[in-house]
């Protein structure tokens, strides 16, 4: 005779019949009563909902005008441009050498220019940065009292990798990680050019140095 083994599956419920409350599929509809809110509870819940709506509305009323008054910044807003020629003229009065300050082409600008007088190495120098239209960057440093220690520190102890003739000038090439340095002494000052974005732009600045300082 077949034996009916107990089953873990809940028994099916006939239409219109409430499920047992232990049934995992039981819902509020299976309760023997319908939960009711008292008048005070309903009023309190309604007040809470109204307060939330008012709070959200107040927040939007404050935030939206601020967003409209402060539109998203454009890329140009982050460009920090300086007057390279004017700064160089002021620097030459104290530098004691011809300061390199080239006329930059369209789409190029100097994002900083300054005279560094009080340095840890005791070597005052002129420096500025050139940003190109493609956002490439070349860092220029020029000193009259350059020595081996200052050059090593300025180039982050980059390793010499040879020399390169650009135009009519000879440049020493040094490389450290992604950065390339060009070093050349001309007349009464030493120039150090560096970039980690474009060696082509680095050579373009080297040509500008020759045409400006020769």
C-alpha atoms as a PDB file:
ATOM      1  CA  UNK A   1       0.000   0.000   0.000  1.00  0.00           C
ATOM      2  CA  UNK A   2       1.471   3.383  -0.925  1.00  0.00           C
ATOM      3  CA  UNK A   3       2.467   5.614   1.947  1.00  0.00           C
ATOM      4  CA  UNK A   4       1.759   9.358   1.814  1.00  0.00           C
ATOM      5  CA  UNK A   5       4.941  11.096   2.899  1.00  0.00           C
ATOM      6  CA  UNK A   6       4.710  14.557   4.421  1.00  0.00           C
ATOM      7  CA  UNK A   7       5.470  17.384   1.999  1.00  0.00           C
ATOM      8  CA  UNK A   8       7.337  20.653   2.712  1.00  0.00           C
ATOM      9  CA  UNK A   9       5.268  22.430   0.071  1.00  0.00           C
ATOM     10  CA  UNK A  10       2.434  24.596   1.441  1.00  0.00           C
ATOM     11  CA  UNK A  11      -1.031  23.316   0.640  1.00  0.00           C
ATOM     12  CA  UNK A  12      -2.828  25.064  -2.160  1.00  0.00           C
ATOM     13  CA  UNK A  13      -5.467  27.531  -1.072  1.00  0.00           C
ATOM     14  CA  UNK A  14      -8.877  27.510  -2.689  1.00  0.00           C
ATOM     15  CA  UNK A  15     -10.023  30.750  -4.305  1.00  0.00           C
ATOM     16  CA  UNK A  16     -11.505  33.123  -1.714  1.00  0.00           C
ATOM     17  CA  UNK A  17      -9.968  31.213   1.184  1.00  0.00           C
ATOM     18  CA  UNK A  18      -7.449  32.931   3.473  1.00  0.00           C
ATOM     19  CA  UNK A  19      -3.950  31.492   3.657  1.00  0.00           C
ATOM     20  CA  UNK A  20      -2.492  30.354   6.909  1.00  0.00           C
ATOM     21  CA  UNK A  21      -0.398  33.146   8.450  1.00  0.00           C
ATOM     22  CA  UNK A  22       2.581  30.763   8.555  1.00  0.00           C
ATOM     23  CA  UNK A  23       2.400  30.474   4.781  1.00  0.00           C
ATOM     24  CA  UNK A  24       5.381  32.438   3.291  1.00  0.00           C
ATOM     25  CA  UNK A  25       3.041  33.662   0.544  1.00  0.00           C
ATOM     26  CA  UNK A  26       0.541  35.110   3.019  1.00  0.00           C
ATOM     27  CA  UNK A  27      -0.339  38.804   2.557  1.00  0.00           C
ATOM     28  CA  UNK A  28      -2.391  41.438   4.369  1.00  0.00           C
ATOM     29  CA  UNK A  29      -5.428  40.084   2.557  1.00  0.00           C
ATOM     30  CA  UNK A  30      -5.088  36.844   4.562  1.00  0.00           C
ATOM     31  CA  UNK A  31      -5.352  38.600   7.946  1.00  0.00           C
ATOM     32  CA  UNK A  32      -8.555  37.844   9.842  1.00  0.00           C
ATOM     33  CA  UNK A  33      -9.044  41.629  10.111  1.00  0.00           C
ATOM     34  CA  UNK A  34      -8.075  44.683   8.102  1.00  0.00           C
ATOM     35  CA  UNK A  35      -5.608  47.028   9.860  1.00  0.00           C
ATOM     36  CA  UNK A  36      -7.213  50.383  10.556  1.00  0.00           C
ATOM     37  CA  UNK A  37      -5.584  53.717  11.403  1.00  0.00           C
ATOM     38  CA  UNK A  38      -7.135  55.740  14.122  1.00  0.00           C
ATOM     39  CA  UNK A  39      -8.184  59.298  13.302  1.00  0.00           C
ATOM     40  CA  UNK A  40      -5.120  60.668  15.151  1.00  0.00           C
ATOM     41  CA  UNK A  41      -2.756  58.247  13.392  1.00  0.00           C
ATOM     42  CA  UNK A  42      -4.211  59.119  10.001  1.00  0.00           C
ATOM     43  CA  UNK A  43      -3.924  62.848  10.757  1.00  0.00           C
ATOM     44  CA  UNK A  44      -0.317  62.416  11.936  1.00  0.00           C
ATOM     45  CA  UNK A  45       0.604  60.429   8.824  1.00  0.00           C
ATOM     46  CA  UNK A  46      -1.005  63.056   6.610  1.00  0.00           C
ATOM     47  CA  UNK A  47       0.904  65.846   8.384  1.00  0.00           C
ATOM     48  CA  UNK A  48       4.196  63.929   7.954  1.00  0.00           C
ATOM     49  CA  UNK A  49       3.562  63.524   4.235  1.00  0.00           C
ATOM     50  CA  UNK A  50       2.701  67.214   3.833  1.00  0.00           C
ATOM     51  CA  UNK A  51       5.851  68.173   5.744  1.00  0.00           C
ATOM     52  CA  UNK A  52       7.996  66.024   3.470  1.00  0.00           C
ATOM     53  CA  UNK A  53       6.446  67.598   0.358  1.00  0.00           C
ATOM     54  CA  UNK A  54       6.998  71.109   1.727  1.00  0.00           C
ATOM     55  CA  UNK A  55      10.594  70.271   2.643  1.00  0.00           C
ATOM     56  CA  UNK A  56      11.382  68.943  -0.846  1.00  0.00           C
ATOM     57  CA  UNK A  57       9.691  71.951  -2.429  1.00  0.00           C
ATOM     58  CA  UNK A  58      11.682  74.371  -0.273  1.00  0.00           C
ATOM     59  CA  UNK A  59      14.961  72.608  -1.155  1.00  0.00           C
ATOM     60  CA  UNK A  60      14.201  72.798  -4.882  1.00  0.00           C
ATOM     61  CA  UNK A  61      13.274  76.469  -4.554  1.00  0.00           C
ATOM     62  CA  UNK A  62      16.727  77.157  -3.083  1.00  0.00           C
ATOM     63  CA  UNK A  63      18.817  74.898  -5.334  1.00  0.00           C
ATOM     64  CA  UNK A  64      17.317  75.652  -8.764  1.00  0.00           C
ATOM     65  CA  UNK A  65      18.106  79.421  -8.734  1.00  0.00           C
ATOM     66  CA  UNK A  66      21.678  78.652  -7.620  1.00  0.00           C
ATOM     67  CA  UNK A  67      22.146  76.230 -10.515  1.00  0.00           C
ATOM     68  CA  UNK A  68      20.737  78.752 -12.990  1.00  0.00           C
ATOM     69  CA  UNK A  69      22.955  81.535 -11.654  1.00  0.00           C
ATOM     70  CA  UNK A  70      26.083  79.330 -11.742  1.00  0.00           C
ATOM     71  CA  UNK A  71      26.182  77.476 -15.076  1.00  0.00           C
ATOM     72  CA  UNK A  72      28.635  74.643 -15.611  1.00  0.00           C
ATOM     73  CA  UNK A  73      32.134  76.057 -16.214  1.00  0.00           C
ATOM     74  CA  UNK A  74      33.679  75.774 -19.655  1.00  0.00           C
ATOM     75  CA  UNK A  75      37.218  74.555 -20.296  1.00  0.00           C
ATOM     76  CA  UNK A  76      38.359  78.124 -20.971  1.00  0.00           C
ATOM     77  CA  UNK A  77      37.476  79.089 -17.404  1.00  0.00           C
ATOM     78  CA  UNK A  78      40.366  76.990 -16.126  1.00  0.00           C
ATOM     79  CA  UNK A  79      42.967  78.710 -18.294  1.00  0.00           C
ATOM     80  CA  UNK A  80      45.277  80.838 -16.160  1.00  0.00           C
ATOM     81  CA  UNK A  81      47.030  83.213 -18.541  1.00  0.00           C
ATOM     82  CA  UNK A  82      49.773  85.691 -17.670  1.00  0.00           C
ATOM     83  CA  UNK A  83      51.368  88.499 -19.652  1.00  0.00           C
ATOM     84  CA  UNK A  84      54.713  86.871 -20.416  1.00  0.00           C
ATOM     85  CA  UNK A  85      56.307  89.877 -22.070  1.00  0.00           C
ATOM     86  CA  UNK A  86      55.370  92.292 -19.317  1.00  0.00           C
ATOM     87  CA  UNK A  87      56.597  89.956 -16.576  1.00  0.00           C
ATOM     88  CA  UNK A  88      59.865  89.375 -18.458  1.00  0.00           C
ATOM     89  CA  UNK A  89      60.512  93.112 -18.799  1.00  0.00           C
ATOM     90  CA  UNK A  90      60.140  93.532 -15.048  1.00  0.00           C
ATOM     91  CA  UNK A  91      62.382  90.524 -14.401  1.00  0.00           C
ATOM     92  CA  UNK A  92      65.218  91.700 -16.657  1.00  0.00           C
ATOM     93  CA  UNK A  93      65.761  94.691 -14.375  1.00  0.00           C
ATOM     94  CA  UNK A  94      66.934  92.356 -11.595  1.00  0.00           C
ATOM     95  CA  UNK A  95      68.038  89.219 -13.455  1.00  0.00           C
ATOM     96  CA  UNK A  96      71.235  90.579 -14.974  1.00  0.00           C
ATOM     97  CA  UNK A  97      70.853  88.634 -18.242  1.00  0.00           C
ATOM     98  CA  UNK A  98      68.669  88.571 -21.333  1.00  0.00           C
ATOM     99  CA  UNK A  99      65.455  86.882 -20.233  1.00  0.00           C
ATOM    100  CA  UNK A 100      63.930  84.389 -22.663  1.00  0.00           C
ATOM    101  CA  UNK A 101      60.305  85.421 -23.325  1.00  0.00           C
ATOM    102  CA  UNK A 102      59.202  84.375 -26.831  1.00  0.00           C
ATOM    103  CA  UNK A 103      56.208  85.623 -28.754  1.00  0.00           C
ATOM    104  CA  UNK A 104      53.792  82.701 -28.601  1.00  0.00           C
ATOM    105  CA  UNK A 105      51.726  81.517 -31.528  1.00  0.00           C
ATOM    106  CA  UNK A 106      47.968  81.258 -31.845  1.00  0.00           C
ATOM    107  CA  UNK A 107      46.437  78.919 -29.312  1.00  0.00           C
ATOM    108  CA  UNK A 108      49.504  79.116 -27.042  1.00  0.00           C
ATOM    109  CA  UNK A 109      49.814  80.980 -23.778  1.00  0.00           C
ATOM    110  CA  UNK A 110      51.969  81.203 -20.654  1.00  0.00           C
ATOM    111  CA  UNK A 111      50.134  79.896 -17.607  1.00  0.00           C
ATOM    112  CA  UNK A 112      52.753  81.214 -15.165  1.00  0.00           C
ATOM    113  CA  UNK A 113      55.918  83.344 -15.225  1.00  0.00           C
ATOM    114  CA  UNK A 114      58.088  84.347 -12.255  1.00  0.00           C
ATOM    115  CA  UNK A 115      61.541  85.167 -10.948  1.00  0.00           C
ATOM    116  CA  UNK A 116      62.773  82.702  -8.324  1.00  0.00           C
ATOM    117  CA  UNK A 117      65.245  84.662  -6.182  1.00  0.00           C
ATOM    118  CA  UNK A 118      65.420  82.750  -2.891  1.00  0.00           C
ATOM    119  CA  UNK A 119      66.158  79.149  -3.821  1.00  0.00           C
ATOM    120  CA  UNK A 120      67.572  76.383  -1.678  1.00  0.00           C
ATOM    121  CA  UNK A 121      70.430  75.896  -4.172  1.00  0.00           C
ATOM    122  CA  UNK A 122      71.376  79.578  -4.084  1.00  0.00           C
ATOM    123  CA  UNK A 123      70.783  79.914  -7.826  1.00  0.00           C
ATOM    124  CA  UNK A 124      68.177  82.523  -8.783  1.00  0.00           C
ATOM    125  CA  UNK A 125      66.378  81.767 -12.037  1.00  0.00           C
ATOM    126  CA  UNK A 126      63.577  82.811 -14.389  1.00  0.00           C
ATOM    127  CA  UNK A 127      60.840  80.321 -15.224  1.00  0.00           C
ATOM    128  CA  UNK A 128      57.570  80.100 -17.093  1.00  0.00           C
ATOM    129  CA  UNK A 129      55.231  77.485 -18.556  1.00  0.00           C
ATOM    130  CA  UNK A 130      53.886  77.285 -22.109  1.00  0.00           C
ATOM    131  CA  UNK A 131      50.549  75.610 -22.834  1.00  0.00           C
ATOM    132  CA  UNK A 132      49.790  74.747 -26.458  1.00  0.00           C
ATOM    133  CA  UNK A 133      46.494  74.454 -28.295  1.00  0.00           C
ATOM    134  CA  UNK A 134      46.592  70.680 -27.755  1.00  0.00           C
ATOM    135  CA  UNK A 135      47.181  71.212 -24.013  1.00  0.00           C
ATOM    136  CA  UNK A 136      50.813  70.098 -24.310  1.00  0.00           C
ATOM    137  CA  UNK A 137      53.084  71.744 -21.748  1.00  0.00           C
ATOM    138  CA  UNK A 138      56.700  72.931 -21.831  1.00  0.00           C
ATOM    139  CA  UNK A 139      58.454  74.187 -18.700  1.00  0.00           C
ATOM    140  CA  UNK A 140      61.232  76.750 -19.224  1.00  0.00           C
ATOM    141  CA  UNK A 141      63.916  77.635 -16.652  1.00  0.00           C
ATOM    142  CA  UNK A 142      66.825  80.009 -17.210  1.00  0.00           C
ATOM    143  CA  UNK A 143      69.694  80.915 -14.845  1.00  0.00           C
ATOM    144  CA  UNK A 144      72.926  82.902 -15.083  1.00  0.00           C
ATOM    145  CA  UNK A 145      74.629  81.158 -12.170  1.00  0.00           C
ATOM    146  CA  UNK A 146      73.740  77.584 -13.076  1.00  0.00           C
ATOM    147  CA  UNK A 147      75.979  74.846 -11.677  1.00  0.00           C
ATOM    148  CA  UNK A 148      75.964  71.058 -11.851  1.00  0.00           C
ATOM    149  CA  UNK A 149      74.022  70.718  -8.589  1.00  0.00           C
ATOM    150  CA  UNK A 150      71.273  73.098  -9.687  1.00  0.00           C
ATOM    151  CA  UNK A 151      70.985  71.402 -13.070  1.00  0.00           C
ATOM    152  CA  UNK A 152      70.785  67.956 -11.457  1.00  0.00           C
ATOM    153  CA  UNK A 153      68.080  69.048  -9.021  1.00  0.00           C
ATOM    154  CA  UNK A 154      66.124  70.952 -11.680  1.00  0.00           C
ATOM    155  CA  UNK A 155      66.121  67.906 -13.949  1.00  0.00           C
ATOM    156  CA  UNK A 156      65.200  65.567 -11.094  1.00  0.00           C
ATOM    157  CA  UNK A 157      68.575  63.796 -11.498  1.00  0.00           C
ATOM    158  CA  UNK A 158      67.616  62.722 -15.009  1.00  0.00           C
ATOM    159  CA  UNK A 159      70.163  60.604 -16.840  1.00  0.00           C
ATOM    160  CA  UNK A 160      72.010  62.198 -19.809  1.00  0.00           C
ATOM    161  CA  UNK A 161      71.191  60.343 -23.017  1.00  0.00           C
ATOM    162  CA  UNK A 162      73.242  62.274 -25.589  1.00  0.00           C
ATOM    163  CA  UNK A 163      73.104  65.572 -27.404  1.00  0.00           C
ATOM    164  CA  UNK A 164      70.866  66.970 -30.121  1.00  0.00           C
ATOM    165  CA  UNK A 165      71.393  69.848 -32.499  1.00  0.00           C
ATOM    166  CA  UNK A 166      68.243  71.912 -32.936  1.00  0.00           C
ATOM    167  CA  UNK A 167      68.651  74.779 -35.348  1.00  0.00           C
ATOM    168  CA  UNK A 168      72.141  76.110 -34.694  1.00  0.00           C
ATOM    169  CA  UNK A 169      72.281  75.228 -30.987  1.00  0.00           C
ATOM    170  CA  UNK A 170      73.604  72.104 -29.320  1.00  0.00           C
ATOM    171  CA  UNK A 171      71.398  70.726 -26.543  1.00  0.00           C
ATOM    172  CA  UNK A 172      72.160  68.069 -23.955  1.00  0.00           C
ATOM    173  CA  UNK A 173      69.298  65.588 -23.652  1.00  0.00           C
ATOM    174  CA  UNK A 174      68.305  64.026 -20.333  1.00  0.00           C
ATOM    175  CA  UNK A 175      65.413  61.652 -19.646  1.00  0.00           C
ATOM    176  CA  UNK A 176      63.644  60.708 -16.422  1.00  0.00           C
ATOM    177  CA  UNK A 177      60.528  58.520 -16.564  1.00  0.00           C
ATOM    178  CA  UNK A 178      58.156  60.287 -19.002  1.00  0.00           C
ATOM    179  CA  UNK A 179      59.974  63.644 -18.900  1.00  0.00           C
ATOM    180  CA  UNK A 180      62.544  64.825 -21.435  1.00  0.00           C
ATOM    181  CA  UNK A 181      64.926  67.703 -20.675  1.00  0.00           C
ATOM    182  CA  UNK A 182      66.944  69.879 -23.057  1.00  0.00           C
ATOM    183  CA  UNK A 183      69.879  71.824 -21.581  1.00  0.00           C
ATOM    184  CA  UNK A 184      71.958  74.453 -23.334  1.00  0.00           C
ATOM    185  CA  UNK A 185      74.303  77.245 -22.232  1.00  0.00           C
ATOM    186  CA  UNK A 186      74.306  80.326 -24.415  1.00  0.00           C
ATOM    187  CA  UNK A 187      76.117  83.596 -23.765  1.00  0.00           C
ATOM    188  CA  UNK A 188      75.509  84.452 -20.117  1.00  0.00           C
ATOM    189  CA  UNK A 189      72.764  81.993 -19.121  1.00  0.00           C
ATOM    190  CA  UNK A 190      71.769  78.329 -19.104  1.00  0.00           C
ATOM    191  CA  UNK A 191      68.388  77.173 -20.370  1.00  0.00           C
ATOM    192  CA  UNK A 192      66.546  74.041 -19.248  1.00  0.00           C
ATOM    193  CA  UNK A 193      63.443  73.046 -21.203  1.00  0.00           C
ATOM    194  CA  UNK A 194      61.307  70.090 -20.152  1.00  0.00           C
ATOM    195  CA  UNK A 195      58.096  68.317 -21.091  1.00  0.00           C
ATOM    196  CA  UNK A 196      56.250  65.087 -20.403  1.00  0.00           C
ATOM    197  CA  UNK A 197      53.662  65.610 -23.144  1.00  0.00           C
ATOM    198  CA  UNK A 198      55.268  66.460 -26.506  1.00  0.00           C
ATOM    199  CA  UNK A 199      58.904  66.351 -27.587  1.00  0.00           C
ATOM    200  CA  UNK A 200      57.893  68.092 -30.816  1.00  0.00           C
ATOM    201  CA  UNK A 201      56.701  71.105 -28.832  1.00  0.00           C
ATOM    202  CA  UNK A 202      59.890  70.906 -26.765  1.00  0.00           C
ATOM    203  CA  UNK A 203      61.992  71.288 -29.918  1.00  0.00           C
ATOM    204  CA  UNK A 204      59.756  74.114 -31.123  1.00  0.00           C
ATOM    205  CA  UNK A 205      60.499  76.032 -27.914  1.00  0.00           C
ATOM    206  CA  UNK A 206      64.215  75.305 -28.375  1.00  0.00           C
ATOM    207  CA  UNK A 207      64.038  76.917 -31.820  1.00  0.00           C
ATOM    208  CA  UNK A 208      62.247  79.904 -30.288  1.00  0.00           C
ATOM    209  CA  UNK A 209      65.108  80.236 -27.773  1.00  0.00           C
ATOM    210  CA  UNK A 210      67.673  80.385 -30.546  1.00  0.00           C
ATOM    211  CA  UNK A 211      65.756  82.968 -32.558  1.00  0.00           C
ATOM    212  CA  UNK A 212      65.013  85.089 -29.488  1.00  0.00           C
ATOM    213  CA  UNK A 213      68.397  85.066 -27.740  1.00  0.00           C
ATOM    214  CA  UNK A 214      70.834  84.920 -30.688  1.00  0.00           C
END
